[in-house]
Every structure is written in structure tokens, then in C-alpha cells.
Amino acid sequence: MAFQNLSEHVQGNHFLRPGEIEAAMRAAGFAPKTWLFGDGTEAVIVGRRP
């Protein structure tokens, strides 16, 4: 499972932050790994089943 995420607010919408995605992946039984880029404003989070 993988997501690309922008951590910003657009028209009042909230995109999930990397920590929120990681927590959801852990709760679902995945082991997340996060790579930040774009000066920390973008992330790729990959979750693998252990």
C-alpha cells in the first residue's frame, strides 16, 4: 500500500499528514516507511505487512 501526500490545506480540506497515515497503516497491521521530499511538504509512505 502506498500514498503520496501533500500536507497542506486547500479550500478548508485537510490532507492527511505523514504521521496520520503511518498511524492508520500501523492500526491496519502494516509497517510504514516514509520518505519526505519537496522540503518536507510531500511524502511517499509505503506500508508492508510484516
C-alpha atoms as a PDB file:
ATOM      1  CA  MET A   1       0.000   0.000   0.000  1.00  0.00           C
ATOM      2  CA  ALA A   2       1.458   3.393  -0.907  1.00  0.00           C
ATOM      3  CA  PHE A   3       0.286   7.001  -0.771  1.00  0.00           C
ATOM      4  CA  GLN A   4       1.674  10.273  -1.987  1.00  0.00           C
ATOM      5  CA  ASN A   5       0.534  13.030   0.299  1.00  0.00           C
ATOM      6  CA  LEU A   6       0.686  16.832   0.283  1.00  0.00           C
ATOM      7  CA  SER A   7       0.490  18.229   3.783  1.00  0.00           C
ATOM      8  CA  GLU A   8      -1.471  21.410   3.096  1.00  0.00           C
ATOM      9  CA  HIS A   9      -4.982  22.804   3.368  1.00  0.00           C
ATOM     10  CA  VAL A  10      -6.954  23.567   0.199  1.00  0.00           C
ATOM     11  CA  GLN A  11     -10.367  25.210   0.450  1.00  0.00           C
ATOM     12  CA  GLY A  12     -10.711  24.041   4.048  1.00  0.00           C
ATOM     13  CA  ASN A  13      -9.826  20.412   3.227  1.00  0.00           C
ATOM     14  CA  HIS A  14      -7.209  18.623   5.272  1.00  0.00           C
ATOM     15  CA  PHE A  15      -4.875  16.181   3.571  1.00  0.00           C
ATOM     16  CA  LEU A  16      -3.519  13.574   5.957  1.00  0.00           C
ATOM     17  CA  ARG A  17      -0.072  14.264   7.348  1.00  0.00           C
ATOM     18  CA  PRO A  18       2.587  11.543   7.137  1.00  0.00           C
ATOM     19  CA  GLY A  19       2.228  10.736  10.852  1.00  0.00           C
ATOM     20  CA  GLU A  20      -1.527  10.264  10.471  1.00  0.00           C
ATOM     21  CA  ILE A  21      -1.066   7.915   7.513  1.00  0.00           C
ATOM     22  CA  GLU A  22       1.628   5.974   9.389  1.00  0.00           C
ATOM     23  CA  ALA A  23      -0.682   5.561  12.401  1.00  0.00           C
ATOM     24  CA  ALA A  24      -3.530   4.315  10.196  1.00  0.00           C
ATOM     25  CA  MET A  25      -1.193   1.846   8.483  1.00  0.00           C
ATOM     26  CA  ARG A  26       0.060   0.533  11.838  1.00  0.00           C
ATOM     27  CA  ALA A  27      -3.543   0.131  13.025  1.00  0.00           C
ATOM     28  CA  ALA A  28      -4.245  -1.924   9.883  1.00  0.00           C
ATOM     29  CA  GLY A  29      -1.246  -4.189  10.554  1.00  0.00           C
ATOM     30  CA  PHE A  30       1.226  -2.586   8.143  1.00  0.00           C
ATOM     31  CA  ALA A  31       4.792  -1.481   8.875  1.00  0.00           C
ATOM     32  CA  PRO A  32       5.106   2.012   7.322  1.00  0.00           C
ATOM     33  CA  LYS A  33       8.229   3.633   5.922  1.00  0.00           C
ATOM     34  CA  THR A  34       8.166   7.316   4.959  1.00  0.00           C
ATOM     35  CA  TRP A  35      10.287   9.326   2.548  1.00  0.00           C
ATOM     36  CA  LEU A  36       9.932  13.120   2.676  1.00  0.00           C
ATOM     37  CA  PHE A  37      10.847  15.413  -0.211  1.00  0.00           C
ATOM     38  CA  GLY A  38       9.959  18.877  -1.509  1.00  0.00           C
ATOM     39  CA  ASP A  39      11.431  20.461   1.640  1.00  0.00           C
ATOM     40  CA  GLY A  40       9.227  18.181   3.737  1.00  0.00           C
ATOM     41  CA  THR A  41       5.964  19.255   2.104  1.00  0.00           C
ATOM     42  CA  GLU A  42       5.498  15.992   0.218  1.00  0.00           C
ATOM     43  CA  ALA A  43       5.864  12.387   1.272  1.00  0.00           C
ATOM     44  CA  VAL A  44       5.766   8.882  -0.041  1.00  0.00           C
ATOM     45  CA  ILE A  45       4.620   6.374   2.577  1.00  0.00           C
ATOM     46  CA  VAL A  46       4.850   2.669   1.885  1.00  0.00           C
ATOM     47  CA  GLY A  47       3.251   0.131   4.204  1.00  0.00           C
ATOM     48  CA  ARG A  48       4.226  -3.519   4.161  1.00  0.00           C
ATOM     49  CA  ARG A  49       2.761  -6.429   6.015  1.00  0.00           C
ATOM     50  CA  PRO A  50       5.368  -7.823   8.416  1.00  0.00           C
END
